[in-house]
Amino acid sequence: METPTGQNSSENQGIGQGTLVDERYEVGPCVGVGSRSSVYLCSLVSEDSSEFVLKVLHADALEEDVAKFQKESNSLLGIQHPHILRCHEQIEFEGRQVLVLDYADGGNLKEYIAQNAPLPIEDAVRLAAEICSGLDFFHQVGIVHRDLKQRNIFLSADQSVRIGDLGLCKFPGEEEAVRVGSVIGAIDYVSPEYVQSGTLDHRADLYAVATLLYEMLSAEYPFSRESDPVKSLMKRLTGDPSPLEEFRLDCPREVRDIILRGLMKDP
């Protein structure tokens, strides 16, 4: 999701600060705007210390977007996993679907990497392991996240991982309708086999985790970038990642091998 440049972003989506949703949640600032939904901080009016996030489907959402939002809600409701952002309920406001989610008060991984990378080996490995723990839960029930990136990995106050934003995920029984050569998800993190053949399963998420771990350890992207994102993608499909030891001589071989295995073009 893109971060808005001002408070008017909330008003442009039709929900202004101070609005009371479902007579319980007072809307705060808009903190993210995506193609299908917007995200707002909010507080529970009966408990001043309780903060949540409202994910609100846009008023002009297509029927397929509404169906996808409903699937996201059904998949998240009831999940209580230490590394998945908890969804408390789904409500309706002015004809729009709304998810009430936990507020991750430690920011997101993008902010954490920008402020702290390269991370200590132990911290990076722990964060990657927590991401994998949450993903394993999804994969066990047939969900592929498909949009793992720094902005979609949230952190609690003690820097514990919370995976969020299932807006682009692939659900069990859902046919992959993407034509070869096109992608759904963050272009820097999509797997080569997905781009080249349309194949999408749990390995696509693991490719993204390997990329994230490389970035946490080096503060660099694994592959050289071009000014054109599409050219960068095509270069990544044929080239090899820069050796991690160029940035981290202290990284154990076992960790380097895990990253290289995760970034393989033919898993």
Protein backbone atom coordinates (compact mmCIF):
# COMPACT_ATOMS: atom_id res chain seq x y z
CA MET A 1 0.00 0.00 0.00
CA GLU A 2 1.12 3.53 -0.69
CA THR A 3 1.45 5.95 2.18
CA PRO A 4 -0.72 9.05 1.68
CA THR A 5 0.89 12.46 1.57
CA GLY A 6 -1.63 14.21 3.77
CA GLN A 7 -4.72 13.90 5.89
CA ASN A 8 -6.96 14.71 2.92
CA SER A 9 -6.38 11.14 1.73
CA SER A 10 -8.84 9.98 4.39
CA GLU A 11 -11.44 12.49 3.27
CA ASN A 12 -10.98 11.63 -0.41
CA GLN A 13 -11.94 8.05 0.36
CA GLY A 14 -15.12 9.24 2.08
CA ILE A 15 -14.18 8.55 5.70
CA GLY A 16 -12.89 11.58 7.56
CA GLN A 17 -11.03 11.66 10.84
CA GLY A 18 -13.37 11.55 13.80
CA THR A 19 -16.02 9.51 11.98
CA LEU A 20 -17.63 6.87 14.18
CA VAL A 21 -17.79 3.48 12.47
CA ASP A 22 -20.26 0.91 13.79
CA GLU A 23 -20.81 3.24 16.78
CA ARG A 24 -17.60 1.90 18.30
CA TYR A 25 -14.53 2.81 16.27
CA GLU A 26 -13.40 6.42 15.96
CA VAL A 27 -11.47 6.88 12.72
CA GLY A 28 -8.00 8.39 12.91
CA PRO A 29 -5.58 9.27 10.09
CA CYS A 30 -5.39 7.32 6.85
CA VAL A 31 -2.10 5.43 6.84
CA GLY A 32 -2.28 3.57 3.54
CA VAL A 33 -4.11 3.61 0.22
CA GLY A 34 -4.13 0.67 -2.17
CA SER A 35 -5.90 -0.13 -5.41
CA ARG A 36 -8.82 -1.83 -3.65
CA SER A 37 -8.85 -0.52 -0.09
CA SER A 38 -7.64 2.11 2.33
CA VAL A 39 -6.29 1.66 5.86
CA TYR A 40 -7.03 3.89 8.84
CA LEU A 41 -5.88 3.99 12.41
CA CYS A 42 -8.78 3.95 14.83
CA SER A 43 -9.55 3.71 18.53
CA LEU A 44 -12.28 1.91 20.39
CA VAL A 45 -14.35 4.67 21.95
CA SER A 46 -15.03 2.72 25.14
CA GLU A 47 -11.34 2.05 25.77
CA ASP A 48 -8.94 4.93 25.16
CA SER A 49 -5.89 2.65 25.18
CA SER A 50 -7.17 0.21 22.54
CA GLU A 51 -5.95 0.99 19.02
CA PHE A 52 -6.92 -0.92 15.90
CA VAL A 53 -6.69 -0.62 12.14
CA LEU A 54 -9.66 -0.42 9.79
CA LYS A 55 -9.15 -1.82 6.30
CA VAL A 56 -11.96 -0.32 4.21
CA LEU A 57 -12.90 -1.51 0.74
CA HIS A 58 -13.22 1.36 -1.71
CA ALA A 59 -16.74 2.48 -2.61
CA ASP A 60 -16.10 1.88 -6.32
CA ALA A 61 -14.76 -1.66 -5.81
CA LEU A 62 -15.63 -4.18 -8.51
CA GLU A 63 -17.68 -7.25 -7.73
CA GLU A 64 -14.57 -9.42 -7.92
CA ASP A 65 -12.84 -7.12 -5.42
CA VAL A 66 -15.74 -7.52 -3.00
CA ALA A 67 -15.53 -11.31 -3.37
CA LYS A 68 -11.77 -11.26 -2.78
CA PHE A 69 -12.20 -9.04 0.28
CA GLN A 70 -14.77 -11.47 1.66
CA LYS A 71 -12.37 -14.38 1.15
CA GLU A 72 -9.64 -12.45 2.97
CA SER A 73 -12.03 -11.83 5.84
CA ASN A 74 -13.15 -15.45 6.03
CA SER A 75 -9.54 -16.64 5.99
CA LEU A 76 -8.34 -14.29 8.72
CA LEU A 77 -11.26 -14.37 11.14
CA GLY A 78 -10.58 -16.75 13.97
CA ILE A 79 -6.85 -17.06 13.28
CA GLN A 80 -4.77 -16.51 16.40
CA HIS A 81 -1.19 -17.02 15.33
CA PRO A 82 1.69 -15.11 16.93
CA HIS A 83 3.07 -14.02 13.54
CA ILE A 84 -0.12 -13.19 11.63
CA LEU A 85 -1.88 -9.85 12.02
CA ARG A 86 -5.09 -10.67 13.84
CA CYS A 87 -8.47 -9.83 12.30
CA HIS A 88 -11.12 -9.26 14.97
CA GLU A 89 -14.27 -8.83 12.90
CA GLN A 90 -15.81 -7.81 9.61
CA ILE A 91 -18.40 -5.04 9.63
CA GLU A 92 -20.18 -2.88 7.08
CA PHE A 93 -20.07 0.91 6.94
CA GLU A 94 -22.04 2.97 4.42
CA GLY A 95 -22.31 -0.03 2.12
CA ARG A 96 -18.61 -0.87 2.27
CA GLN A 97 -16.91 -3.88 3.78
CA VAL A 98 -14.52 -3.18 6.67
CA LEU A 99 -12.00 -5.40 8.44
CA VAL A 100 -10.97 -4.59 12.01
CA LEU A 101 -7.32 -5.60 12.51
CA ASP A 102 -4.75 -5.36 15.26
CA TYR A 103 -2.54 -2.30 15.19
CA ALA A 104 1.14 -3.23 14.86
CA ASP A 105 2.77 -0.44 16.84
CA GLY A 106 6.32 -1.33 15.80
CA GLY A 107 5.86 -0.14 12.21
CA ASN A 108 6.74 -2.32 9.24
CA LEU A 109 9.83 -4.12 8.01
CA LYS A 110 10.59 -1.46 5.41
CA GLU A 111 10.93 1.17 8.12
CA TYR A 112 12.90 -1.19 10.34
CA ILE A 113 15.38 -2.07 7.58
CA ALA A 114 15.80 1.59 6.63
CA GLN A 115 16.66 2.47 10.22
CA ASN A 116 18.70 -0.57 11.27
CA ALA A 117 20.07 -2.60 8.34
CA PRO A 118 22.35 -4.36 7.98
CA LEU A 119 20.85 -6.23 10.91
CA PRO A 120 22.76 -8.49 13.28
CA ILE A 121 22.74 -12.07 12.01
CA GLU A 122 20.63 -13.29 14.94
CA ASP A 123 17.97 -10.60 14.45
CA ALA A 124 17.65 -11.16 10.70
CA VAL A 125 17.41 -14.93 11.06
CA ARG A 126 14.82 -14.59 13.84
CA LEU A 127 12.65 -12.27 11.76
CA ALA A 128 12.90 -14.58 8.75
CA ALA A 129 12.00 -17.59 10.91
CA GLU A 130 8.94 -15.77 12.27
CA ILE A 131 7.83 -14.87 8.74
CA CYS A 132 8.20 -18.54 7.78
CA SER A 133 6.18 -19.58 10.84
CA GLY A 134 3.25 -17.41 9.77
CA LEU A 135 3.57 -18.54 6.16
CA ASP A 136 3.60 -22.19 7.19
CA PHE A 137 0.21 -21.68 8.83
CA PHE A 138 -1.17 -20.19 5.60
CA HIS A 139 0.40 -22.86 3.42
CA GLN A 140 -1.04 -25.65 5.57
CA VAL A 141 -4.54 -24.43 4.65
CA GLY A 142 -3.67 -23.83 1.00
CA ILE A 143 -3.20 -20.04 1.02
CA VAL A 144 -0.33 -18.46 -0.94
CA HIS A 145 0.29 -14.88 0.21
CA ARG A 146 1.73 -13.78 -3.15
CA ASP A 147 2.43 -10.19 -2.03
CA LEU A 148 5.17 -10.52 0.56
CA LYS A 149 7.32 -7.41 0.71
CA GLN A 150 8.82 -5.15 3.34
CA ARG A 151 5.67 -3.02 3.69
CA ASN A 152 3.43 -6.06 4.33
CA ILE A 153 5.52 -7.41 7.21
CA PHE A 154 4.45 -5.58 10.34
CA LEU A 155 6.19 -5.51 13.71
CA SER A 156 4.91 -5.35 17.26
CA ALA A 157 6.50 -3.09 19.85
CA ASP A 158 9.03 -5.84 20.67
CA GLN A 159 9.87 -6.34 16.95
CA SER A 160 7.92 -9.58 16.63
CA VAL A 161 6.63 -10.27 13.11
CA ARG A 162 2.98 -9.91 12.09
CA ILE A 163 2.22 -10.84 8.46
CA GLY A 164 -0.54 -8.71 6.99
CA ASP A 165 -2.38 -7.73 3.82
CA LEU A 166 -3.86 -10.78 2.13
CA GLY A 167 -5.50 -8.65 -0.55
CA LEU A 168 -3.63 -10.37 -3.41
CA CYS A 169 -3.31 -13.87 -1.99
CA LYS A 170 -4.33 -17.05 -3.77
CA PHE A 171 -6.92 -19.06 -1.87
CA PRO A 172 -7.55 -22.82 -1.95
CA GLY A 173 -9.31 -23.91 -5.13
CA GLU A 174 -8.75 -20.57 -6.81
CA GLU A 175 -7.56 -20.88 -10.39
CA GLU A 176 -4.53 -18.84 -11.39
CA ALA A 177 -5.75 -16.68 -14.24
CA VAL A 178 -2.55 -14.74 -14.86
CA ARG A 179 -1.08 -15.07 -18.31
CA VAL A 180 2.57 -15.96 -18.68
CA GLY A 181 4.78 -12.87 -18.53
CA SER A 182 2.46 -10.86 -16.30
CA VAL A 183 2.58 -10.71 -12.52
CA ILE A 184 0.38 -10.02 -9.53
CA GLY A 185 2.28 -8.80 -6.50
CA ALA A 186 5.38 -6.73 -5.78
CA ILE A 187 7.62 -7.02 -8.83
CA ASP A 188 10.86 -7.14 -6.78
CA TYR A 189 9.69 -10.21 -4.88
CA VAL A 190 7.81 -12.37 -7.40
CA SER A 191 9.42 -15.72 -8.15
CA PRO A 192 10.95 -16.51 -11.58
CA GLU A 193 8.76 -19.59 -12.14
CA TYR A 194 5.64 -17.49 -11.53
CA VAL A 195 6.68 -14.93 -14.13
CA GLN A 196 7.86 -17.44 -16.70
CA SER A 197 5.25 -20.18 -16.44
CA GLY A 198 2.44 -18.87 -14.24
CA THR A 199 3.22 -21.53 -11.63
CA LEU A 200 2.16 -20.33 -8.19
CA ASP A 201 2.47 -22.30 -4.96
CA HIS A 202 4.11 -21.96 -1.55
CA ARG A 203 7.56 -21.73 -3.15
CA ALA A 204 6.72 -18.28 -4.49
CA ASP A 205 6.39 -17.03 -0.90
CA LEU A 206 9.68 -18.67 0.08
CA TYR A 207 11.43 -16.85 -2.77
CA ALA A 208 10.18 -13.58 -1.29
CA VAL A 209 11.42 -14.57 2.18
CA ALA A 210 14.89 -15.30 0.80
CA THR A 211 14.91 -11.85 -0.81
CA LEU A 212 13.80 -10.21 2.45
CA LEU A 213 16.46 -12.05 4.45
CA TYR A 214 19.14 -10.93 1.99
CA GLU A 215 17.94 -7.32 2.36
CA MET A 216 17.91 -7.52 6.16
CA LEU A 217 21.48 -8.80 6.23
CA SER A 218 22.96 -6.49 3.60
CA ALA A 219 20.69 -3.43 3.30
CA GLU A 220 20.89 -4.17 -0.44
CA TYR A 221 18.68 -5.85 -3.03
CA PRO A 222 20.10 -9.20 -4.24
CA PHE A 223 20.11 -8.25 -7.93
CA SER A 224 21.27 -5.23 -9.89
CA ARG A 225 18.45 -2.84 -10.78
CA GLU A 226 17.62 -0.92 -13.92
CA SER A 227 15.65 2.32 -14.07
CA ASP A 228 12.86 0.40 -15.80
CA PRO A 229 11.26 -2.14 -13.37
CA VAL A 230 10.39 -4.50 -16.20
CA LYS A 231 14.01 -4.53 -17.43
CA SER A 232 15.11 -5.21 -13.86
CA LEU A 233 12.75 -8.15 -13.71
CA MET A 234 13.98 -9.61 -17.00
CA LYS A 235 17.58 -9.20 -15.84
CA ARG A 236 16.75 -11.02 -12.61
CA LEU A 237 15.31 -13.96 -14.56
CA THR A 238 18.65 -14.60 -16.23
CA GLY A 239 21.24 -13.26 -13.78
CA ASP A 240 22.55 -14.43 -10.41
CA PRO A 241 22.27 -12.57 -7.09
CA SER A 242 25.26 -10.59 -5.92
CA PRO A 243 27.24 -12.74 -3.46
CA LEU A 244 26.12 -11.90 0.07
CA GLU A 245 29.71 -12.05 1.27
CA GLU A 246 30.35 -8.83 -0.67
CA PHE A 247 28.37 -7.12 2.11
CA ARG A 248 28.59 -9.53 5.06
CA LEU A 249 31.78 -11.48 5.63
CA ASP A 250 30.44 -12.60 9.00
CA CYS A 251 27.36 -14.33 7.58
CA PRO A 252 27.50 -18.10 8.25
CA ARG A 253 27.68 -20.35 5.21
CA GLU A 254 24.49 -22.11 6.30
CA VAL A 255 22.53 -18.85 6.11
CA ARG A 256 24.04 -17.96 2.73
CA ASP A 257 23.10 -21.41 1.41
CA ILE A 258 19.49 -21.01 2.60
CA ILE A 259 19.22 -17.69 0.79
CA LEU A 260 20.73 -19.06 -2.42
CA ARG A 261 18.40 -22.05 -2.33
CA GLY A 262 15.42 -19.74 -1.82
CA LEU A 263 16.47 -17.60 -4.81
CA MET A 264 16.88 -20.54 -7.20
CA LYS A 265 15.24 -20.00 -10.58
CA ASP A 266 14.08 -23.61 -10.85
CA PRO A 267 13.12 -24.68 -7.29
